[in-house]
């Protein structure tokens, strides 16, 4: 982090420390920050959560939402949550790997058999275990948001086979698992923050990226990348997390209000997400993006050694076997 970024980051910490507990004695005001635009399904779900929290508490608990990296990058917001200077943020499960190794399992390619299988895992015992796995790091998971399946979009050619990735620099999140996956498929993984990706694509720092349809559309990356290959290699959810420091200060009733509002927002987000995927694919095609549906078999075969490489990691391999055992 350079000097200017450090000053900005420290300024945000000071700001949040002064406003996170604002309000009269009988009102609890929480701050929520994330990096997505206001037309994104996740932001709309968060606004709904804020509304429901106010309704459930009869105005005694409020949530103020700061979108579009107003208070920092995704990584920075998680760090603010960790020290109690920010109440809530949305973070990709891939980024959570740096806080709890258990989350790596969500980033493993083709770990889920279908979208329904993924939801069953998230809504069940395995998903609950993972939400609470970061409490020792002062982060508590509230719920999962659907973030679709990630696929490759590129500038110069479509990806129809793993061999097509050879020699290409592909942007990934700051996730060890994502880097390992791209390497296993034959590409060159380049971690870049989401806010810097459009410029990186334009300037040729990277040749492509991988993400879900709504993110391709709302980011306007389709203006640069005209090939979208729906290989759907990973289905990594977003995680809504709350500061354990702030959670522990809430009354039992306030915790129930917040958890219920979060759960209801997750249900709405999945509906909005499904609608957004259809709309996004239609819109990027109108803009000239060529969509192809590669045969997944060669991709699945290429990454099998990656899954087996976790055999000596008892925690991750246990999660792999538990997930594979769920029908």
C-alpha atoms as a PDB file:
ATOM      1  CA  UNK A   1       0.000   0.000   0.000  1.00  0.00           C
ATOM      2  CA  UNK A   2       1.540   3.343  -1.011  1.00  0.00           C
ATOM      3  CA  UNK A   3       1.596   6.468   1.214  1.00  0.00           C
ATOM      4  CA  UNK A   4      -1.531   8.106  -0.275  1.00  0.00           C
ATOM      5  CA  UNK A   5      -3.569   4.914  -0.032  1.00  0.00           C
ATOM      6  CA  UNK A   6      -2.411   4.438   3.539  1.00  0.00           C
ATOM      7  CA  UNK A   7      -3.542   7.950   4.495  1.00  0.00           C
ATOM      8  CA  UNK A   8      -6.924   7.377   2.839  1.00  0.00           C
ATOM      9  CA  UNK A   9      -7.341   4.028   4.561  1.00  0.00           C
ATOM     10  CA  UNK A  10      -6.485   5.441   7.989  1.00  0.00           C
ATOM     11  CA  UNK A  11      -8.903   8.282   7.344  1.00  0.00           C
ATOM     12  CA  UNK A  12     -11.691   5.797   6.664  1.00  0.00           C
ATOM     13  CA  UNK A  13     -10.876   3.947   9.892  1.00  0.00           C
ATOM     14  CA  UNK A  14     -11.103   7.211  11.832  1.00  0.00           C
ATOM     15  CA  UNK A  15     -14.370   8.114  10.118  1.00  0.00           C
ATOM     16  CA  UNK A  16     -16.011   4.791  10.831  1.00  0.00           C
ATOM     17  CA  UNK A  17     -14.792   4.756  14.414  1.00  0.00           C
ATOM     18  CA  UNK A  18     -16.565   8.058  14.990  1.00  0.00           C
ATOM     19  CA  UNK A  19     -19.885   7.204  13.331  1.00  0.00           C
ATOM     20  CA  UNK A  20     -20.463   3.470  13.830  1.00  0.00           C
ATOM     21  CA  UNK A  21     -22.144   3.957  17.170  1.00  0.00           C
ATOM     22  CA  UNK A  22     -23.994   7.178  16.350  1.00  0.00           C
ATOM     23  CA  UNK A  23     -27.609   7.719  17.432  1.00  0.00           C
ATOM     24  CA  UNK A  24     -29.615   8.113  20.631  1.00  0.00           C
ATOM     25  CA  UNK A  25     -29.322   5.584  23.444  1.00  0.00           C
ATOM     26  CA  UNK A  26     -32.381   3.621  22.336  1.00  0.00           C
ATOM     27  CA  UNK A  27     -31.299   3.332  18.697  1.00  0.00           C
ATOM     28  CA  UNK A  28     -28.582   1.164  17.188  1.00  0.00           C
ATOM     29  CA  UNK A  29     -27.188   2.447  13.883  1.00  0.00           C
ATOM     30  CA  UNK A  30     -25.054   0.059  11.848  1.00  0.00           C
ATOM     31  CA  UNK A  31     -22.895   0.860   8.828  1.00  0.00           C
ATOM     32  CA  UNK A  32     -22.647  -1.528   5.884  1.00  0.00           C
ATOM     33  CA  UNK A  33     -20.132  -1.025   3.054  1.00  0.00           C
ATOM     34  CA  UNK A  34     -19.463  -2.981  -0.125  1.00  0.00           C
ATOM     35  CA  UNK A  35     -17.820  -2.578  -3.535  1.00  0.00           C
ATOM     36  CA  UNK A  36     -20.703  -3.164  -5.954  1.00  0.00           C
ATOM     37  CA  UNK A  37     -22.786  -0.604  -7.924  1.00  0.00           C
ATOM     38  CA  UNK A  38     -26.299   0.351  -6.838  1.00  0.00           C
ATOM     39  CA  UNK A  39     -27.980  -1.508  -9.710  1.00  0.00           C
ATOM     40  CA  UNK A  40     -26.449  -4.824  -8.630  1.00  0.00           C
ATOM     41  CA  UNK A  41     -28.780  -7.512  -7.140  1.00  0.00           C
ATOM     42  CA  UNK A  42     -26.612  -7.722  -4.019  1.00  0.00           C
ATOM     43  CA  UNK A  43     -26.961  -3.994  -3.319  1.00  0.00           C
ATOM     44  CA  UNK A  44     -30.731  -4.188  -3.801  1.00  0.00           C
ATOM     45  CA  UNK A  45     -30.869  -7.082  -1.332  1.00  0.00           C
ATOM     46  CA  UNK A  46     -28.861  -5.074   1.180  1.00  0.00           C
ATOM     47  CA  UNK A  47     -31.224  -2.126   0.859  1.00  0.00           C
ATOM     48  CA  UNK A  48     -34.095  -4.545   1.500  1.00  0.00           C
ATOM     49  CA  UNK A  49     -32.253  -5.878   4.557  1.00  0.00           C
ATOM     50  CA  UNK A  50     -31.893  -2.341   5.904  1.00  0.00           C
ATOM     51  CA  UNK A  51     -35.611  -1.760   5.366  1.00  0.00           C
ATOM     52  CA  UNK A  52     -36.578  -5.037   7.048  1.00  0.00           C
ATOM     53  CA  UNK A  53     -34.245  -4.401   9.974  1.00  0.00           C
ATOM     54  CA  UNK A  54     -35.936  -1.047  10.588  1.00  0.00           C
ATOM     55  CA  UNK A  55     -39.395  -2.652  10.291  1.00  0.00           C
ATOM     56  CA  UNK A  56     -38.635  -5.590  12.568  1.00  0.00           C
ATOM     57  CA  UNK A  57     -37.125  -3.318  15.224  1.00  0.00           C
ATOM     58  CA  UNK A  58     -39.776  -0.588  14.875  1.00  0.00           C
ATOM     59  CA  UNK A  59     -36.986   1.837  14.042  1.00  0.00           C
ATOM     60  CA  UNK A  60     -34.742   0.838  16.948  1.00  0.00           C
ATOM     61  CA  UNK A  61     -32.082  -0.607  14.628  1.00  0.00           C
ATOM     62  CA  UNK A  62     -31.009   0.980  11.346  1.00  0.00           C
ATOM     63  CA  UNK A  63     -28.499   0.052   8.648  1.00  0.00           C
ATOM     64  CA  UNK A  64     -26.886   2.652   6.390  1.00  0.00           C
ATOM     65  CA  UNK A  65     -25.488   1.202   3.156  1.00  0.00           C
ATOM     66  CA  UNK A  66     -22.339   2.578   1.460  1.00  0.00           C
ATOM     67  CA  UNK A  67     -21.921   1.019  -2.029  1.00  0.00           C
ATOM     68  CA  UNK A  68     -19.268   1.213  -4.776  1.00  0.00           C
ATOM     69  CA  UNK A  69     -16.116   1.082  -2.608  1.00  0.00           C
ATOM     70  CA  UNK A  70     -16.981   4.385  -0.905  1.00  0.00           C
ATOM     71  CA  UNK A  71     -15.263   3.128   2.238  1.00  0.00           C
ATOM     72  CA  UNK A  72     -12.553   1.042   0.624  1.00  0.00           C
ATOM     73  CA  UNK A  73     -11.946  -2.143  -1.328  1.00  0.00           C
ATOM     74  CA  UNK A  74     -13.484  -5.461  -0.356  1.00  0.00           C
ATOM     75  CA  UNK A  75     -10.332  -6.485   1.489  1.00  0.00           C
ATOM     76  CA  UNK A  76     -10.195  -3.152   3.334  1.00  0.00           C
ATOM     77  CA  UNK A  77     -13.859  -3.394   4.356  1.00  0.00           C
ATOM     78  CA  UNK A  78     -13.288  -6.855   5.819  1.00  0.00           C
ATOM     79  CA  UNK A  79     -10.339  -5.500   7.786  1.00  0.00           C
ATOM     80  CA  UNK A  80     -12.537  -2.659   9.078  1.00  0.00           C
ATOM     81  CA  UNK A  81     -15.147  -5.208  10.136  1.00  0.00           C
ATOM     82  CA  UNK A  82     -12.456  -7.241  11.849  1.00  0.00           C
ATOM     83  CA  UNK A  83     -11.427  -4.337  14.107  1.00  0.00           C
ATOM     84  CA  UNK A  84     -14.999  -3.199  14.751  1.00  0.00           C
ATOM     85  CA  UNK A  85     -14.788   0.076  12.807  1.00  0.00           C
ATOM     86  CA  UNK A  86     -17.420  -1.140  10.321  1.00  0.00           C
ATOM     87  CA  UNK A  87     -20.408  -3.276  11.250  1.00  0.00           C
ATOM     88  CA  UNK A  88     -21.201  -5.253   8.083  1.00  0.00           C
ATOM     89  CA  UNK A  89     -19.789  -5.924   4.642  1.00  0.00           C
ATOM     90  CA  UNK A  90     -20.251  -8.263   1.709  1.00  0.00           C
ATOM     91  CA  UNK A  91     -17.221 -10.296   0.776  1.00  0.00           C
ATOM     92  CA  UNK A  92     -16.596 -13.053  -1.738  1.00  0.00           C
ATOM     93  CA  UNK A  93     -16.002 -16.417  -0.114  1.00  0.00           C
ATOM     94  CA  UNK A  94     -12.742 -16.465  -2.114  1.00  0.00           C
ATOM     95  CA  UNK A  95     -11.447 -13.413  -0.238  1.00  0.00           C
ATOM     96  CA  UNK A  96     -12.462 -15.043   3.056  1.00  0.00           C
ATOM     97  CA  UNK A  97      -9.773 -17.668   2.422  1.00  0.00           C
ATOM     98  CA  UNK A  98      -7.193 -15.268   3.818  1.00  0.00           C
ATOM     99  CA  UNK A  99      -9.124 -15.172   7.109  1.00  0.00           C
ATOM    100  CA  UNK A 100     -10.160 -18.841   7.390  1.00  0.00           C
ATOM    101  CA  UNK A 101      -8.651 -21.681   5.353  1.00  0.00           C
ATOM    102  CA  UNK A 102     -11.956 -23.578   5.505  1.00  0.00           C
ATOM    103  CA  UNK A 103     -13.431 -21.183   2.911  1.00  0.00           C
ATOM    104  CA  UNK A 104     -11.038 -22.557   0.282  1.00  0.00           C
ATOM    105  CA  UNK A 105     -13.518 -25.334  -0.377  1.00  0.00           C
ATOM    106  CA  UNK A 106     -15.952 -22.884  -2.048  1.00  0.00           C
ATOM    107  CA  UNK A 107     -13.252 -21.890  -4.533  1.00  0.00           C
ATOM    108  CA  UNK A 108     -12.481 -25.399  -5.722  1.00  0.00           C
ATOM    109  CA  UNK A 109     -13.497 -25.892  -9.356  1.00  0.00           C
ATOM    110  CA  UNK A 110     -16.546 -28.068 -10.067  1.00  0.00           C
ATOM    111  CA  UNK A 111     -16.992 -28.932  -6.377  1.00  0.00           C
ATOM    112  CA  UNK A 112     -20.782 -28.536  -6.744  1.00  0.00           C
ATOM    113  CA  UNK A 113     -22.913 -30.775  -8.939  1.00  0.00           C
ATOM    114  CA  UNK A 114     -25.476 -28.053  -9.697  1.00  0.00           C
ATOM    115  CA  UNK A 115     -26.856 -24.748  -8.440  1.00  0.00           C
ATOM    116  CA  UNK A 116     -29.384 -26.665  -6.347  1.00  0.00           C
ATOM    117  CA  UNK A 117     -26.581 -28.712  -4.819  1.00  0.00           C
ATOM    118  CA  UNK A 118     -24.669 -25.529  -3.967  1.00  0.00           C
ATOM    119  CA  UNK A 119     -27.719 -24.014  -2.225  1.00  0.00           C
ATOM    120  CA  UNK A 120     -28.231 -27.229  -0.245  1.00  0.00           C
ATOM    121  CA  UNK A 121     -24.655 -26.987   1.018  1.00  0.00           C
ATOM    122  CA  UNK A 122     -24.901 -23.267   1.890  1.00  0.00           C
ATOM    123  CA  UNK A 123     -28.256 -23.632   3.658  1.00  0.00           C
ATOM    124  CA  UNK A 124     -27.245 -26.722   5.566  1.00  0.00           C
ATOM    125  CA  UNK A 125     -24.831 -27.766   8.293  1.00  0.00           C
ATOM    126  CA  UNK A 126     -21.709 -27.326   6.151  1.00  0.00           C
ATOM    127  CA  UNK A 127     -22.618 -23.756   5.247  1.00  0.00           C
ATOM    128  CA  UNK A 128     -23.414 -22.911   8.874  1.00  0.00           C
ATOM    129  CA  UNK A 129     -20.097 -24.320  10.045  1.00  0.00           C
ATOM    130  CA  UNK A 130     -18.257 -22.118   7.581  1.00  0.00           C
ATOM    131  CA  UNK A 131     -20.176 -18.971   8.586  1.00  0.00           C
ATOM    132  CA  UNK A 132     -18.961 -19.414  12.161  1.00  0.00           C
ATOM    133  CA  UNK A 133     -15.432 -20.540  11.254  1.00  0.00           C
ATOM    134  CA  UNK A 134     -14.077 -16.963  11.357  1.00  0.00           C
ATOM    135  CA  UNK A 135     -15.350 -15.978  14.808  1.00  0.00           C
ATOM    136  CA  UNK A 136     -11.859 -16.354  16.248  1.00  0.00           C
ATOM    137  CA  UNK A 137     -10.804 -13.699  13.699  1.00  0.00           C
ATOM    138  CA  UNK A 138     -13.590 -11.364  14.943  1.00  0.00           C
ATOM    139  CA  UNK A 139     -15.755 -11.962  11.860  1.00  0.00           C
ATOM    140  CA  UNK A 140     -19.142 -13.699  11.953  1.00  0.00           C
ATOM    141  CA  UNK A 141     -20.973 -14.844   8.842  1.00  0.00           C
ATOM    142  CA  UNK A 142     -24.659 -13.933   8.585  1.00  0.00           C
ATOM    143  CA  UNK A 143     -25.767 -15.521   5.315  1.00  0.00           C
ATOM    144  CA  UNK A 144     -24.771 -16.362   1.744  1.00  0.00           C
ATOM    145  CA  UNK A 145     -25.723 -14.411  -1.358  1.00  0.00           C
ATOM    146  CA  UNK A 146     -25.851 -16.111  -4.739  1.00  0.00           C
ATOM    147  CA  UNK A 147     -22.951 -14.924  -6.881  1.00  0.00           C
ATOM    148  CA  UNK A 148     -23.647 -17.310  -9.737  1.00  0.00           C
ATOM    149  CA  UNK A 149     -21.014 -19.371 -11.479  1.00  0.00           C
ATOM    150  CA  UNK A 150     -17.786 -17.869 -12.737  1.00  0.00           C
ATOM    151  CA  UNK A 151     -16.769 -18.240 -16.384  1.00  0.00           C
ATOM    152  CA  UNK A 152     -14.043 -16.803 -18.611  1.00  0.00           C
ATOM    153  CA  UNK A 153     -14.378 -13.594 -20.631  1.00  0.00           C
ATOM    154  CA  UNK A 154     -11.538 -12.597 -22.908  1.00  0.00           C
ATOM    155  CA  UNK A 155     -10.448  -9.968 -25.408  1.00  0.00           C
ATOM    156  CA  UNK A 156      -8.853 -11.824 -28.327  1.00  0.00           C
ATOM    157  CA  UNK A 157     -10.383 -15.307 -28.551  1.00  0.00           C
ATOM    158  CA  UNK A 158     -12.995 -17.548 -26.900  1.00  0.00           C
ATOM    159  CA  UNK A 159     -12.059 -20.212 -24.358  1.00  0.00           C
ATOM    160  CA  UNK A 160     -13.487 -23.487 -25.673  1.00  0.00           C
ATOM    161  CA  UNK A 161     -10.867 -25.829 -24.182  1.00  0.00           C
ATOM    162  CA  UNK A 162      -8.311 -25.509 -21.357  1.00  0.00           C
ATOM    163  CA  UNK A 163      -5.561 -25.326 -23.976  1.00  0.00           C
ATOM    164  CA  UNK A 164      -6.980 -21.951 -25.089  1.00  0.00           C
ATOM    165  CA  UNK A 165      -5.814 -20.455 -21.779  1.00  0.00           C
ATOM    166  CA  UNK A 166      -2.174 -21.139 -22.554  1.00  0.00           C
ATOM    167  CA  UNK A 167      -0.213 -17.876 -22.639  1.00  0.00           C
ATOM    168  CA  UNK A 168      -3.154 -15.759 -21.423  1.00  0.00           C
ATOM    169  CA  UNK A 169      -3.002 -13.544 -18.342  1.00  0.00           C
ATOM    170  CA  UNK A 170      -6.302 -13.982 -16.497  1.00  0.00           C
ATOM    171  CA  UNK A 171      -7.376 -11.696 -13.683  1.00  0.00           C
ATOM    172  CA  UNK A 172      -8.415 -13.513 -10.516  1.00  0.00           C
ATOM    173  CA  UNK A 173      -9.453 -12.425  -7.042  1.00  0.00           C
ATOM    174  CA  UNK A 174      -6.803 -12.378  -4.335  1.00  0.00           C
ATOM    175  CA  UNK A 175      -7.399 -16.045  -3.664  1.00  0.00           C
ATOM    176  CA  UNK A 176      -4.801 -18.802  -3.500  1.00  0.00           C
ATOM    177  CA  UNK A 177      -7.369 -21.304  -4.749  1.00  0.00           C
ATOM    178  CA  UNK A 178      -8.219 -19.129  -7.767  1.00  0.00           C
ATOM    179  CA  UNK A 179      -4.540 -18.806  -8.663  1.00  0.00           C
ATOM    180  CA  UNK A 180      -4.050 -22.570  -8.358  1.00  0.00           C
ATOM    181  CA  UNK A 181      -7.092 -23.219 -10.554  1.00  0.00           C
ATOM    182  CA  UNK A 182      -5.911 -20.977 -13.411  1.00  0.00           C
ATOM    183  CA  UNK A 183      -2.473 -22.571 -13.278  1.00  0.00           C
ATOM    184  CA  UNK A 184      -4.030 -26.049 -13.368  1.00  0.00           C
ATOM    185  CA  UNK A 185      -5.950 -25.042 -16.492  1.00  0.00           C
ATOM    186  CA  UNK A 186      -2.796 -23.713 -18.149  1.00  0.00           C
ATOM    187  CA  UNK A 187      -3.260 -19.942 -17.827  1.00  0.00           C
ATOM    188  CA  UNK A 188      -1.322 -17.254 -15.976  1.00  0.00           C
ATOM    189  CA  UNK A 189      -3.203 -15.977 -12.906  1.00  0.00           C
ATOM    190  CA  UNK A 190      -2.972 -12.245 -12.147  1.00  0.00           C
ATOM    191  CA  UNK A 191      -4.616 -11.018  -8.915  1.00  0.00           C
ATOM    192  CA  UNK A 192      -6.066  -7.503  -9.414  1.00  0.00           C
ATOM    193  CA  UNK A 193      -8.658  -5.634  -7.340  1.00  0.00           C
ATOM    194  CA  UNK A 194     -12.132  -5.354  -8.859  1.00  0.00           C
ATOM    195  CA  UNK A 195     -12.021  -1.567  -9.047  1.00  0.00           C
ATOM    196  CA  UNK A 196      -8.826  -1.633 -11.133  1.00  0.00           C
ATOM    197  CA  UNK A 197      -9.859  -4.382 -13.547  1.00  0.00           C
ATOM    198  CA  UNK A 198     -11.524  -2.320 -16.300  1.00  0.00           C
ATOM    199  CA  UNK A 199      -8.355  -0.280 -16.819  1.00  0.00           C
ATOM    200  CA  UNK A 200      -6.214  -3.422 -16.636  1.00  0.00           C
ATOM    201  CA  UNK A 201      -8.266  -5.001 -19.425  1.00  0.00           C
ATOM    202  CA  UNK A 202      -8.146  -1.857 -21.539  1.00  0.00           C
ATOM    203  CA  UNK A 203      -4.398  -1.450 -21.202  1.00  0.00           C
ATOM    204  CA  UNK A 204      -3.558  -5.102 -21.763  1.00  0.00           C
ATOM    205  CA  UNK A 205      -2.236  -5.789 -18.277  1.00  0.00           C
ATOM    206  CA  UNK A 206      -4.491  -8.855 -18.450  1.00  0.00           C
ATOM    207  CA  UNK A 207      -6.031 -10.661 -21.429  1.00  0.00           C
ATOM    208  CA  UNK A 208      -9.240 -11.573 -19.680  1.00  0.00           C
ATOM    209  CA  UNK A 209     -10.969 -12.347 -16.421  1.00  0.00           C
ATOM    210  CA  UNK A 210     -13.541 -14.735 -14.970  1.00  0.00           C
ATOM    211  CA  UNK A 211     -16.824 -13.843 -13.369  1.00  0.00           C
ATOM    212  CA  UNK A 212     -20.591 -14.259 -13.454  1.00  0.00           C
ATOM    213  CA  UNK A 213     -22.944 -12.661 -16.048  1.00  0.00           C
ATOM    214  CA  UNK A 214     -24.283  -9.787 -13.865  1.00  0.00           C
ATOM    215  CA  UNK A 215     -20.759  -8.744 -12.919  1.00  0.00           C
ATOM    216  CA  UNK A 216     -19.636  -8.802 -16.550  1.00  0.00           C
ATOM    217  CA  UNK A 217     -22.591  -6.578 -17.431  1.00  0.00           C
ATOM    218  CA  UNK A 218     -22.700  -4.099 -14.530  1.00  0.00           C
ATOM    219  CA  UNK A 219     -18.917  -3.600 -14.634  1.00  0.00           C
ATOM    220  CA  UNK A 220     -19.113  -2.821 -18.382  1.00  0.00           C
ATOM    221  CA  UNK A 221     -16.197  -5.169 -18.950  1.00  0.00           C
ATOM    222  CA  UNK A 222     -18.129  -6.366 -22.017  1.00  0.00           C
ATOM    223  CA  UNK A 223     -17.028  -3.126 -23.692  1.00  0.00           C
ATOM    224  CA  UNK A 224     -13.492  -4.546 -23.748  1.00  0.00           C
ATOM    225  CA  UNK A 225     -14.013  -8.326 -23.723  1.00  0.00           C
ATOM    226  CA  UNK A 226     -16.135  -9.645 -26.575  1.00  0.00           C
ATOM    227  CA  UNK A 227     -15.908 -13.382 -25.824  1.00  0.00           C
ATOM    228  CA  UNK A 228     -17.728 -15.042 -22.924  1.00  0.00           C
ATOM    229  CA  UNK A 229     -17.235 -18.790 -22.419  1.00  0.00           C
ATOM    230  CA  UNK A 230     -19.717 -20.305 -19.981  1.00  0.00           C
ATOM    231  CA  UNK A 231     -17.585 -23.116 -18.584  1.00  0.00           C
ATOM    232  CA  UNK A 232     -18.916 -22.343 -15.074  1.00  0.00           C
ATOM    233  CA  UNK A 233     -15.757 -23.552 -13.343  1.00  0.00           C
ATOM    234  CA  UNK A 234     -16.612 -22.279  -9.863  1.00  0.00           C
ATOM    235  CA  UNK A 235     -19.746 -21.362  -7.925  1.00  0.00           C
ATOM    236  CA  UNK A 236     -18.382 -19.095  -5.207  1.00  0.00           C
ATOM    237  CA  UNK A 237     -20.998 -17.379  -3.033  1.00  0.00           C
ATOM    238  CA  UNK A 238     -20.790 -13.938  -1.524  1.00  0.00           C
ATOM    239  CA  UNK A 239     -20.853 -13.870   2.268  1.00  0.00           C
ATOM    240  CA  UNK A 240     -22.518 -11.190   4.362  1.00  0.00           C
ATOM    241  CA  UNK A 241     -20.368 -10.773   7.464  1.00  0.00           C
ATOM    242  CA  UNK A 242     -20.733  -8.766  10.672  1.00  0.00           C
ATOM    243  CA  UNK A 243     -18.035  -7.640  13.058  1.00  0.00           C
ATOM    244  CA  UNK A 244     -17.886 -10.061  15.991  1.00  0.00           C
ATOM    245  CA  UNK A 245     -16.942  -7.077  18.164  1.00  0.00           C
ATOM    246  CA  UNK A 246     -20.164  -5.273  17.231  1.00  0.00           C
ATOM    247  CA  UNK A 247     -22.282  -8.467  17.218  1.00  0.00           C
ATOM    248  CA  UNK A 248     -21.300  -9.202  20.809  1.00  0.00           C
ATOM    249  CA  UNK A 249     -22.419  -5.697  21.831  1.00  0.00           C
ATOM    250  CA  UNK A 250     -25.909  -6.235  20.413  1.00  0.00           C
ATOM    251  CA  UNK A 251     -28.679  -7.489  22.664  1.00  0.00           C
ATOM    252  CA  UNK A 252     -30.111 -10.946  21.953  1.00  0.00           C
ATOM    253  CA  UNK A 253     -33.178  -9.287  20.438  1.00  0.00           C
ATOM    254  CA  UNK A 254     -31.052  -7.069  18.192  1.00  0.00           C
ATOM    255  CA  UNK A 255     -29.103 -10.109  17.019  1.00  0.00           C
ATOM    256  CA  UNK A 256     -32.382 -11.822  16.095  1.00  0.00           C
ATOM    257  CA  UNK A 257     -33.580  -8.756  14.154  1.00  0.00           C
ATOM    258  CA  UNK A 258     -30.336  -8.541  12.225  1.00  0.00           C
ATOM    259  CA  UNK A 259     -30.157 -12.268  11.468  1.00  0.00           C
ATOM    260  CA  UNK A 260     -33.782 -12.402  10.311  1.00  0.00           C
ATOM    261  CA  UNK A 261     -33.321  -9.371   8.068  1.00  0.00           C
ATOM    262  CA  UNK A 262     -30.169 -10.935   6.604  1.00  0.00           C
ATOM    263  CA  UNK A 263     -31.880 -14.284   5.963  1.00  0.00           C
ATOM    264  CA  UNK A 264     -34.828 -12.607   4.242  1.00  0.00           C
ATOM    265  CA  UNK A 265     -32.467 -10.522   2.128  1.00  0.00           C
ATOM    266  CA  UNK A 266     -30.687 -13.710   0.984  1.00  0.00           C
ATOM    267  CA  UNK A 267     -33.994 -15.168  -0.224  1.00  0.00           C
ATOM    268  CA  UNK A 268     -34.749 -11.994  -2.191  1.00  0.00           C
ATOM    269  CA  UNK A 269     -31.195 -11.788  -3.551  1.00  0.00           C
ATOM    270  CA  UNK A 270     -31.414 -15.257  -5.079  1.00  0.00           C
ATOM    271  CA  UNK A 271     -34.585 -14.276  -6.922  1.00  0.00           C
ATOM    272  CA  UNK A 272     -33.082 -10.992  -8.121  1.00  0.00           C
ATOM    273  CA  UNK A 273     -29.887 -12.769  -9.114  1.00  0.00           C
ATOM    274  CA  UNK A 274     -31.685 -15.310 -11.316  1.00  0.00           C
ATOM    275  CA  UNK A 275     -33.512 -12.482 -13.096  1.00  0.00           C
ATOM    276  CA  UNK A 276     -30.306 -10.494 -13.450  1.00  0.00           C
ATOM    277  CA  UNK A 277     -28.404 -13.403 -15.036  1.00  0.00           C
ATOM    278  CA  UNK A 278     -30.980 -13.677 -17.811  1.00  0.00           C
ATOM    279  CA  UNK A 279     -31.046  -9.926 -18.392  1.00  0.00           C
ATOM    280  CA  UNK A 280     -27.255  -9.621 -18.294  1.00  0.00           C
ATOM    281  CA  UNK A 281     -26.668 -12.323 -20.896  1.00  0.00           C
ATOM    282  CA  UNK A 282     -29.236 -10.694 -23.179  1.00  0.00           C
ATOM    283  CA  UNK A 283     -27.672  -7.249 -22.811  1.00  0.00           C
ATOM    284  CA  UNK A 284     -24.046  -8.275 -23.374  1.00  0.00           C
ATOM    285  CA  UNK A 285     -25.086 -10.168 -26.499  1.00  0.00           C
ATOM    286  CA  UNK A 286     -26.804  -7.019 -27.777  1.00  0.00           C
ATOM    287  CA  UNK A 287     -23.499  -5.226 -27.173  1.00  0.00           C
ATOM    288  CA  UNK A 288     -21.666  -7.666 -29.437  1.00  0.00           C
ATOM    289  CA  UNK A 289     -20.365 -10.258 -26.982  1.00  0.00           C
ATOM    290  CA  UNK A 290     -20.160 -13.757 -28.444  1.00  0.00           C
ATOM    291  CA  UNK A 291     -21.271 -16.372 -25.906  1.00  0.00           C
ATOM    292  CA  UNK A 292     -20.198 -19.987 -26.204  1.00  0.00           C
ATOM    293  CA  UNK A 293     -20.875 -23.077 -24.107  1.00  0.00           C
ATOM    294  CA  UNK A 294     -17.706 -25.212 -24.038  1.00  0.00           C
ATOM    295  CA  UNK A 295     -17.764 -28.892 -23.175  1.00  0.00           C
ATOM    296  CA  UNK A 296     -17.004 -29.029 -19.441  1.00  0.00           C
ATOM    297  CA  UNK A 297     -15.422 -32.487 -19.478  1.00  0.00           C
ATOM    298  CA  UNK A 298     -11.881 -31.384 -20.429  1.00  0.00           C
ATOM    299  CA  UNK A 299     -11.981 -28.592 -17.807  1.00  0.00           C
ATOM    300  CA  UNK A 300     -13.154 -30.979 -15.073  1.00  0.00           C
ATOM    301  CA  UNK A 301     -10.484 -33.515 -16.000  1.00  0.00           C
ATOM    302  CA  UNK A 302      -7.734 -30.876 -15.997  1.00  0.00           C
ATOM    303  CA  UNK A 303      -8.481 -29.711 -12.422  1.00  0.00           C
ATOM    304  CA  UNK A 304      -8.901 -33.130 -10.760  1.00  0.00           C
ATOM    305  CA  UNK A 305      -5.260 -33.173  -9.573  1.00  0.00           C
ATOM    306  CA  UNK A 306      -5.952 -29.854  -7.821  1.00  0.00           C
ATOM    307  CA  UNK A 307      -8.756 -31.391  -5.750  1.00  0.00           C
ATOM    308  CA  UNK A 308      -6.638 -34.441  -4.944  1.00  0.00           C
ATOM    309  CA  UNK A 309      -3.756 -32.192  -3.858  1.00  0.00           C
ATOM    310  CA  UNK A 310      -5.801 -31.416  -0.726  1.00  0.00           C
ATOM    311  CA  UNK A 311      -5.794 -35.046   0.418  1.00  0.00           C
ATOM    312  CA  UNK A 312      -3.092 -34.260   2.996  1.00  0.00           C
ATOM    313  CA  UNK A 313      -5.059 -31.251   4.278  1.00  0.00           C
ATOM    314  CA  UNK A 314      -7.444 -32.925   6.713  1.00  0.00           C
ATOM    315  CA  UNK A 315      -9.724 -29.892   7.149  1.00  0.00           C
ATOM    316  CA  UNK A 316     -10.238 -29.059   3.459  1.00  0.00           C
ATOM    317  CA  UNK A 317     -10.387 -32.673   2.320  1.00  0.00           C
ATOM    318  CA  UNK A 318     -13.002 -33.385   4.990  1.00  0.00           C
ATOM    319  CA  UNK A 319     -15.144 -30.565   3.574  1.00  0.00           C
ATOM    320  CA  UNK A 320     -14.628 -31.914   0.039  1.00  0.00           C
ATOM    321  CA  UNK A 321     -15.859 -35.367   1.046  1.00  0.00           C
ATOM    322  CA  UNK A 322     -18.780 -33.933   3.040  1.00  0.00           C
ATOM    323  CA  UNK A 323     -19.890 -31.841   0.069  1.00  0.00           C
ATOM    324  CA  UNK A 324     -19.528 -34.711  -2.382  1.00  0.00           C
ATOM    325  CA  UNK A 325     -21.614 -36.923  -0.081  1.00  0.00           C
ATOM    326  CA  UNK A 326     -24.610 -34.555  -0.213  1.00  0.00           C
ATOM    327  CA  UNK A 327     -27.112 -35.558  -2.897  1.00  0.00           C
END
